[in-house]
Protein backbone atom coordinates (compact mmCIF):
# COMPACT_ATOMS: atom_id res chain seq x y z
CA MET A 1 16.86 -31.05 0.44
CA ILE A 2 20.11 -31.41 -1.31
CA SER A 3 23.15 -29.73 0.33
CA LEU A 4 26.41 -28.97 -1.38
CA LYS A 5 29.45 -27.10 -0.08
CA VAL A 6 31.58 -24.54 -1.48
CA ASN A 7 35.03 -25.27 -0.02
CA LEU A 8 36.74 -22.18 0.84
CA GLY A 9 38.45 -22.89 4.21
CA GLU A 10 36.95 -20.62 7.05
CA ARG A 11 34.58 -19.02 4.33
CA SER A 12 33.22 -22.27 3.26
CA TYR A 13 29.33 -22.25 2.93
CA PRO A 14 26.38 -24.38 1.98
CA ILE A 15 24.26 -24.39 -1.15
CA CYS A 16 20.72 -25.63 -0.18
CA ILE A 17 18.49 -26.89 -3.01
CA GLY A 18 15.00 -28.02 -2.59
CA HIS A 19 11.14 -27.70 -2.30
CA ASN A 20 9.61 -25.40 0.21
CA LEU A 21 12.97 -24.18 1.66
CA LEU A 22 11.49 -20.62 2.26
CA GLU A 23 8.92 -22.29 4.81
CA GLN A 24 11.69 -23.54 6.86
CA SER A 25 12.54 -20.53 8.94
CA GLU A 26 15.67 -22.17 10.79
CA LEU A 27 17.28 -22.74 7.36
CA LEU A 28 17.70 -19.02 7.00
CA THR A 29 18.07 -17.86 10.64
CA GLN A 30 21.01 -20.15 11.31
CA HIS A 31 23.06 -18.22 8.77
CA ILE A 32 22.15 -14.83 10.43
CA PRO A 33 24.77 -14.15 13.31
CA GLY A 34 23.56 -10.99 14.55
CA ASN A 35 20.10 -9.60 15.51
CA SER A 36 19.48 -7.25 12.43
CA ALA A 37 18.94 -7.83 8.67
CA LEU A 38 18.00 -6.07 5.50
CA ILE A 39 15.79 -8.06 2.83
CA VAL A 40 16.36 -6.53 -0.58
CA SER A 41 14.12 -7.64 -3.21
CA ASN A 42 12.32 -6.09 -6.40
CA GLU A 43 8.93 -5.20 -7.44
CA THR A 44 8.44 -8.65 -9.29
CA VAL A 45 9.54 -11.05 -6.59
CA ALA A 46 8.62 -9.12 -3.30
CA PRO A 47 4.79 -9.76 -3.73
CA LEU A 48 5.34 -13.42 -4.22
CA TYR A 49 8.13 -14.42 -1.62
CA MET A 50 8.73 -11.54 0.67
CA ASP A 51 6.11 -12.69 3.30
CA ALA A 52 7.71 -16.11 3.74
CA VAL A 53 11.20 -14.53 4.36
CA GLU A 54 9.71 -12.06 6.83
CA LYS A 55 7.83 -14.87 8.63
CA SER A 56 11.42 -16.62 9.18
CA LEU A 57 12.81 -13.29 10.74
CA SER A 58 10.13 -12.94 13.47
CA ASP A 59 12.88 -12.95 16.24
CA ILE A 60 15.11 -10.54 14.36
CA ARG A 61 15.09 -6.86 13.66
CA PHE A 62 14.46 -6.31 9.99
CA LYS A 63 14.03 -3.82 7.26
CA THR A 64 12.95 -4.36 3.77
CA LEU A 65 13.88 -2.51 0.53
CA ILE A 66 12.12 -3.27 -2.85
CA LEU A 67 14.03 -2.15 -5.95
CA PRO A 68 12.82 -1.84 -9.38
CA ASP A 69 13.15 -4.98 -11.59
CA GLY A 70 15.59 -5.20 -14.53
CA GLU A 71 19.12 -5.35 -15.42
CA GLU A 72 18.97 -1.64 -16.40
CA HIS A 73 18.59 -0.76 -12.73
CA LYS A 74 21.82 -2.47 -11.69
CA ASN A 75 23.80 0.66 -11.30
CA LEU A 76 25.45 2.94 -8.80
CA ASN A 77 22.49 4.97 -8.25
CA VAL A 78 20.32 2.08 -7.18
CA LEU A 79 23.15 0.69 -5.28
CA ASN A 80 23.19 4.01 -3.25
CA SER A 81 19.50 3.38 -2.16
CA ILE A 82 20.58 0.16 -0.32
CA TYR A 83 23.36 2.14 1.44
CA ASP A 84 20.74 4.85 2.36
CA THR A 85 18.41 2.29 3.86
CA LEU A 86 21.30 0.72 5.81
CA LEU A 87 22.38 4.04 7.30
CA GLU A 88 19.02 5.56 7.97
CA ASN A 89 18.09 2.54 9.97
CA HIS A 90 21.47 2.39 11.76
CA LEU A 91 22.29 -1.00 10.76
CA ASP A 92 25.78 -1.89 12.02
CA ARG A 93 28.41 -4.20 10.69
CA ASN A 94 26.87 -7.33 12.31
CA THR A 95 23.79 -6.97 10.18
CA THR A 96 23.00 -9.37 7.43
CA LEU A 97 21.75 -8.51 3.92
CA ILE A 98 19.41 -11.04 2.31
CA ALA A 99 19.25 -10.96 -1.52
CA LEU A 100 15.75 -12.21 -2.47
CA GLY A 101 15.55 -12.34 -6.18
CA GLY A 102 17.34 -13.04 -9.43
CA GLY A 103 20.92 -12.27 -10.66
CA VAL A 104 20.48 -8.49 -10.50
CA ILE A 105 19.27 -8.44 -6.95
CA GLY A 106 22.02 -10.90 -5.96
CA ASP A 107 24.83 -8.90 -7.73
CA ILE A 108 23.90 -5.59 -6.40
CA THR A 109 23.01 -6.64 -2.85
CA GLY A 110 26.19 -8.69 -2.70
CA PHE A 111 28.20 -5.69 -3.83
CA ALA A 112 26.49 -3.60 -1.10
CA ALA A 113 27.30 -6.21 1.55
CA ALA A 114 30.97 -6.31 0.44
CA THR A 115 31.47 -2.58 0.73
CA TYR A 116 29.15 -1.35 3.56
CA GLN A 117 31.31 -0.73 6.61
CA ARG A 118 33.91 -2.78 4.86
CA GLY A 119 31.90 -5.91 4.81
CA VAL A 120 28.63 -7.22 6.33
CA HIS A 121 26.94 -10.76 6.38
CA LEU A 122 25.23 -11.90 3.14
CA VAL A 123 22.58 -14.69 2.38
CA GLN A 124 21.62 -15.40 -1.08
CA ILE A 125 17.92 -16.54 -1.87
CA PRO A 126 17.83 -16.98 -5.61
CA THR A 127 14.66 -17.04 -7.26
CA THR A 128 15.32 -17.56 -11.06
CA LEU A 129 16.90 -20.55 -12.52
CA LEU A 130 19.95 -18.35 -13.73
CA SER A 131 20.61 -17.06 -10.21
CA GLN A 132 20.24 -20.51 -8.78
CA VAL A 133 22.70 -22.18 -11.04
CA ASP A 134 25.02 -19.59 -11.46
CA SER A 135 25.20 -15.85 -10.11
CA SER A 136 24.21 -16.63 -6.46
CA VAL A 137 27.24 -19.10 -6.16
CA GLY A 138 30.87 -18.16 -6.13
CA GLY A 139 30.81 -14.58 -4.65
CA LYS A 140 30.97 -12.48 -7.71
CA THR A 141 29.03 -9.22 -7.04
CA ALA A 142 28.81 -6.08 -9.15
CA VAL A 143 26.90 -3.14 -10.82
CA ASN A 144 26.97 -2.20 -14.30
CA HIS A 145 28.59 0.92 -15.85
CA PRO A 146 27.19 2.43 -19.01
CA ILE A 147 30.31 1.54 -20.75
CA GLY A 148 30.69 -2.05 -19.54
CA LYS A 149 28.80 -4.73 -17.76
CA ASN A 150 29.97 -5.85 -14.24
CA MET A 151 32.92 -3.56 -14.34
CA ILE A 152 32.57 -2.18 -10.72
CA GLY A 153 32.38 -5.10 -8.23
CA ALA A 154 34.12 -7.43 -5.76
CA PHE A 155 34.56 -10.90 -4.83
CA TYR A 156 32.54 -11.55 -1.68
CA GLN A 157 31.18 -14.77 -0.63
CA PRO A 158 27.85 -15.35 1.15
CA ARG A 159 27.17 -17.20 4.33
CA ALA A 160 24.77 -19.46 2.50
CA VAL A 161 22.81 -19.94 -0.71
CA ILE A 162 19.16 -21.06 -0.32
CA ALA A 163 17.59 -22.18 -3.60
CA ASP A 164 13.89 -22.91 -3.32
CA THR A 165 12.89 -24.71 -6.46
CA ASN A 166 9.24 -23.74 -5.95
CA THR A 167 10.04 -20.16 -7.01
CA LEU A 168 10.72 -21.39 -10.57
CA ASN A 169 7.07 -22.11 -10.66
CA THR A 170 6.25 -18.38 -11.10
CA LEU A 171 9.09 -17.70 -13.64
CA GLU A 172 8.10 -16.48 -17.07
CA GLU A 173 9.15 -18.85 -19.79
CA ARG A 174 11.70 -16.23 -21.24
CA GLN A 175 13.52 -16.07 -17.96
CA LEU A 176 13.53 -19.93 -17.54
CA SER A 177 15.25 -20.20 -21.01
CA SER A 178 17.64 -17.53 -19.91
CA GLY A 179 18.67 -19.77 -17.13
CA LEU A 180 19.12 -22.70 -19.30
CA ALA A 181 21.82 -21.00 -21.04
CA GLU A 182 23.99 -21.09 -17.92
CA VAL A 183 22.94 -24.67 -17.38
CA ILE A 184 23.95 -25.77 -20.73
CA LYS A 185 27.20 -23.81 -20.41
CA TYR A 186 28.42 -26.34 -17.75
CA GLY A 187 28.12 -29.17 -20.14
CA LEU A 188 29.86 -27.38 -22.94
CA ILE A 189 32.90 -26.28 -20.78
CA ARG A 190 33.69 -29.25 -18.65
CA ASP A 191 30.89 -31.85 -18.11
CA ILE A 192 30.26 -33.81 -21.42
CA ASN A 193 27.93 -36.44 -19.67
CA PHE A 194 25.82 -33.60 -18.35
CA LEU A 195 25.47 -32.14 -21.78
CA GLU A 196 24.42 -35.52 -23.17
CA TRP A 197 21.77 -35.51 -20.15
CA LEU A 198 20.65 -32.12 -21.28
CA GLU A 199 20.34 -32.98 -24.95
CA SER A 200 17.84 -35.97 -23.96
CA ASN A 201 15.95 -33.89 -21.30
CA ILE A 202 15.77 -30.23 -22.39
CA GLY A 203 12.09 -30.79 -23.10
CA LYS A 204 11.52 -31.70 -19.46
CA LEU A 205 13.27 -28.64 -18.19
CA LEU A 206 11.18 -26.47 -20.32
CA ASP A 207 8.09 -28.25 -19.11
CA ARG A 208 9.40 -27.51 -15.43
CA ASP A 209 9.60 -31.31 -14.48
CA PRO A 210 10.50 -31.04 -10.72
CA ALA A 211 12.90 -33.93 -10.80
CA ALA A 212 14.60 -32.74 -14.00
CA LEU A 213 15.01 -29.17 -12.70
CA ALA A 214 16.26 -30.39 -9.27
CA TYR A 215 18.88 -32.53 -11.02
CA ALA A 216 19.94 -29.77 -13.32
CA ILE A 217 20.42 -27.38 -10.64
CA GLU A 218 22.35 -29.71 -8.52
CA ARG A 219 24.70 -30.74 -11.24
CA SER A 220 25.20 -27.03 -12.23
CA CYS A 221 25.97 -25.99 -8.66
CA ARG A 222 28.31 -28.90 -8.24
CA ASN A 223 30.20 -27.86 -11.29
CA LYS A 224 30.26 -24.29 -10.12
CA ALA A 225 31.28 -25.11 -6.58
CA GLU A 226 34.20 -27.14 -7.79
CA VAL A 227 35.66 -24.49 -9.97
CA VAL A 228 35.25 -21.64 -7.39
CA ALA A 229 36.89 -23.87 -4.71
CA ALA A 230 39.87 -24.46 -6.95
CA ASP A 231 39.99 -20.73 -8.32
CA GLU A 232 38.11 -18.27 -6.11
CA ARG A 233 39.38 -14.98 -7.62
CA GLU A 234 39.41 -16.05 -11.28
CA SER A 235 43.25 -16.28 -11.89
CA GLY A 236 42.76 -19.40 -13.99
CA GLN A 237 40.32 -22.00 -14.64
CA ARG A 238 37.47 -20.03 -13.13
CA ALA A 239 37.73 -17.96 -16.17
CA LEU A 240 36.32 -20.80 -18.11
CA LEU A 241 32.89 -20.26 -16.51
CA ASN A 242 32.70 -17.26 -19.03
CA LEU A 243 32.24 -19.27 -22.16
CA GLY A 244 30.11 -16.89 -24.43
CA HIS A 245 30.32 -13.97 -21.85
CA THR A 246 32.77 -11.78 -23.71
CA PHE A 247 30.50 -11.80 -26.85
CA GLY A 248 27.40 -11.79 -24.77
CA HIS A 249 28.32 -8.90 -22.29
CA ALA A 250 29.07 -6.78 -25.54
CA ILE A 251 25.49 -7.53 -26.66
CA GLU A 252 23.97 -6.55 -23.44
CA THR A 253 25.96 -3.36 -23.24
CA GLY A 254 25.65 -2.52 -27.00
CA MET A 255 21.83 -3.17 -26.93
CA GLY A 256 21.09 -1.54 -23.80
CA TYR A 257 20.96 -3.31 -20.47
CA GLY A 258 17.71 -5.33 -20.26
CA VAL A 259 17.06 -5.46 -24.01
CA TRP A 260 18.47 -8.89 -24.16
CA LEU A 261 18.37 -11.11 -21.07
CA HIS A 262 21.70 -12.20 -19.82
CA GLY A 263 21.18 -15.76 -20.75
CA GLU A 264 20.00 -14.71 -24.30
CA ALA A 265 23.21 -12.75 -24.83
CA ILE A 266 25.26 -15.51 -23.51
CA ALA A 267 23.58 -18.11 -25.73
CA SER A 268 24.34 -16.08 -28.86
CA GLY A 269 28.06 -15.65 -27.47
CA MET A 270 28.39 -19.43 -27.18
CA VAL A 271 27.57 -19.82 -30.69
CA MET A 272 30.03 -17.32 -31.79
CA ALA A 273 32.68 -18.87 -29.58
CA ALA A 274 31.82 -22.32 -31.36
CA ARG A 275 32.12 -20.82 -34.74
CA LEU A 276 35.57 -19.35 -33.83
CA SER A 277 36.81 -22.60 -32.37
CA ASN A 278 35.80 -24.30 -35.50
CA LYS A 279 37.86 -21.84 -37.66
CA LEU A 280 40.73 -22.59 -35.47
CA GLY A 281 40.44 -26.23 -36.34
CA TRP A 282 39.45 -27.29 -32.75
CA ILE A 283 35.80 -28.58 -33.10
CA SER A 284 33.95 -29.69 -36.19
CA GLU A 285 30.97 -28.33 -38.13
CA ASN A 286 29.03 -31.11 -36.56
CA ASP A 287 30.16 -29.68 -32.96
CA VAL A 288 29.05 -26.30 -33.86
CA SER A 289 25.55 -27.70 -35.05
CA ARG A 290 25.40 -29.51 -31.77
CA VAL A 291 25.87 -26.17 -29.76
CA ILE A 292 23.23 -24.45 -32.09
CA ASP A 293 20.61 -27.32 -31.77
CA ILE A 294 20.56 -27.51 -28.04
CA LEU A 295 20.45 -23.73 -27.70
CA GLU A 296 17.74 -23.45 -30.24
CA ARG A 297 15.59 -26.21 -28.65
CA ALA A 298 15.92 -24.30 -25.20
CA ASN A 299 14.24 -21.31 -27.00
CA LEU A 300 17.47 -19.06 -26.95
CA PRO A 301 18.88 -16.89 -29.63
CA ILE A 302 21.53 -18.31 -31.92
CA THR A 303 22.45 -15.32 -33.88
CA ALA A 304 23.89 -11.88 -33.04
CA PRO A 305 21.82 -8.78 -33.14
CA GLU A 306 22.12 -7.22 -36.62
CA GLN A 307 22.01 -3.64 -34.86
CA MET A 308 25.59 -4.21 -33.61
CA SER A 309 28.39 -4.02 -36.09
CA ALA A 310 31.60 -5.85 -35.96
CA ASP A 311 33.45 -2.66 -35.04
CA LYS A 312 30.89 -2.06 -32.17
CA PHE A 313 31.47 -5.79 -31.01
CA ILE A 314 35.23 -5.47 -30.94
CA GLU A 315 35.04 -1.92 -29.23
CA LEU A 316 32.91 -3.47 -26.37
CA MET A 317 34.80 -6.81 -26.12
CA SER A 318 38.04 -4.77 -25.78
CA LEU A 319 36.81 -3.55 -22.28
CA ASP A 320 36.27 -7.24 -21.06
CA LYS A 321 37.96 -8.13 -17.81
CA LYS A 322 39.90 -10.79 -19.55
CA VAL A 323 41.92 -8.17 -21.41
CA SER A 324 45.54 -8.31 -19.96
CA ASP A 325 48.17 -6.05 -21.36
CA GLY A 326 46.06 -5.05 -24.26
CA VAL A 327 45.36 -8.79 -25.33
CA LEU A 328 41.79 -10.28 -25.00
CA LYS A 329 41.75 -13.87 -24.23
CA LEU A 330 38.60 -15.52 -25.20
CA VAL A 331 36.97 -18.76 -23.72
CA LEU A 332 36.76 -21.18 -26.63
CA TYR A 333 36.10 -25.03 -27.23
CA LYS A 334 39.19 -27.15 -27.55
CA SER A 335 36.47 -29.92 -27.76
CA MET A 336 33.02 -30.58 -26.90
CA GLY A 337 33.12 -30.47 -22.84
CA ASN A 338 36.29 -29.05 -22.77
CA ALA A 339 36.94 -25.39 -22.79
CA VAL A 340 40.16 -23.44 -22.85
CA ILE A 341 41.20 -19.67 -22.46
CA SER A 342 43.03 -18.80 -25.59
CA LYS A 343 44.43 -15.68 -27.55
CA ASP A 344 45.25 -18.10 -30.51
CA TYR A 345 43.05 -16.13 -32.83
CA THR A 346 43.70 -13.18 -35.24
CA ASP A 347 41.56 -9.99 -35.60
CA ALA A 348 40.64 -11.26 -39.12
CA ILE A 349 39.11 -14.48 -37.77
CA LEU A 350 37.44 -12.65 -34.94
CA ARG A 351 35.69 -10.27 -37.41
CA GLU A 352 34.98 -13.11 -39.78
CA THR A 353 33.23 -15.01 -36.98
CA ILE A 354 31.14 -12.03 -35.99
CA ALA A 355 30.13 -11.28 -39.56
CA GLU A 356 28.83 -14.93 -39.95
CA SER A 357 26.88 -14.74 -36.73
CA TYR A 358 24.12 -12.48 -37.98
CA SER A 359 22.38 -15.37 -39.52
CA ALA A 360 21.96 -18.92 -38.37
C-alpha cells in the first residue's frame, strides 16, 4: 500500500492507494471515531463492494443507503434522501458518512457530511479512476443545479481516502477513459515529466496494467495533495486544477447532466483551452496537436458538441465560479506543463475558439 498525506495541519489526512484495501477492515475502522456510520453508494457499485465495507463495520452500528447511479442524480432532491436516512435512524453528529462510489457519490455524500448537524465525519472510498485521482481528494463537495454544475457545495475534508485499485477491474471502458482525462490534466498543468510518461504508457493504462495504474494514481494524487495543501479553498493556484473545466462544465450543463461523462467534457475543454492559448501566442500548433493526440489516444472526445452554439457556451460559462466582478478567468497553457489563470483574451478570440472546436 502507498500512503500519501494531504497536509492541512490538524485536518491532515491520508490517501491510501493499493490492492485489496477493502479487505483490510482496520484500514477503514481506524478513521471512524464514533460507533455509528452510514454507507452511501449507488445501484452499480453497491452489489460489487458493499459487502466488503459492511464486513469491516461488524463492530459498528451502521445503515446503508443506495442511490440511483448517474450525474443527473447529483441534486438537492437526492441529497435530501441522505438527510432523511440520517434523521430517521437517529444518527448523531459523531456518526461517519462513508462514500462508496465514484465522483457523484463522493460529491453528494461529502456535501451531506459537511451540512448535517453542521458537519459529521467523512471517509471517501472512491471506486472509479476519476474519483481516485481527483474528486475524492481535496474536500470539494457539491450538488448540481439545473442552471450550473457544482454551484451548491462546500469545502469539507474527509478523515481519509481509501482507494482500492481492484475496483478498477469492474470499471467500464468509457468510465476508465473519463478518469484518464483528469490524470492527463496533471501532466498538462504542472508535471511535464508525468505528461511524457503518460504519452509513452497510455496504452498500458487502457489495458489496466496494475503497475501503470498504481503509478498514475499515486502521481496524480501527489500532485493534487500538493496543490490542496498550498491552497485549500481555491484562492489562487488550486484553480489551475480546473483546466478545461469551464468549457467542460458548460458542456455537461448544456447537454444535460450525464449525457457527457465529466472526463469527456473536460477533455473537450482542455482542447479548447489549448486552441485559445495558441491564439494568444503562448503555445505552438505542435503543442495543440500534442494535447489532442494524447486525449484521442485515451479514447476521449477532442471536439465540442455541435448541439451547443457559441452563444450557449458563453452563457453557461458566465455562471462559472471563476467569474469575479463580471470577468471570467480561464485556465490556459502558458507552456506545456505550465498552466496559468488568465483574463488576457477577448470575446472575439473566445468565440473564434469555440467556433473552431466543432471539428478536429
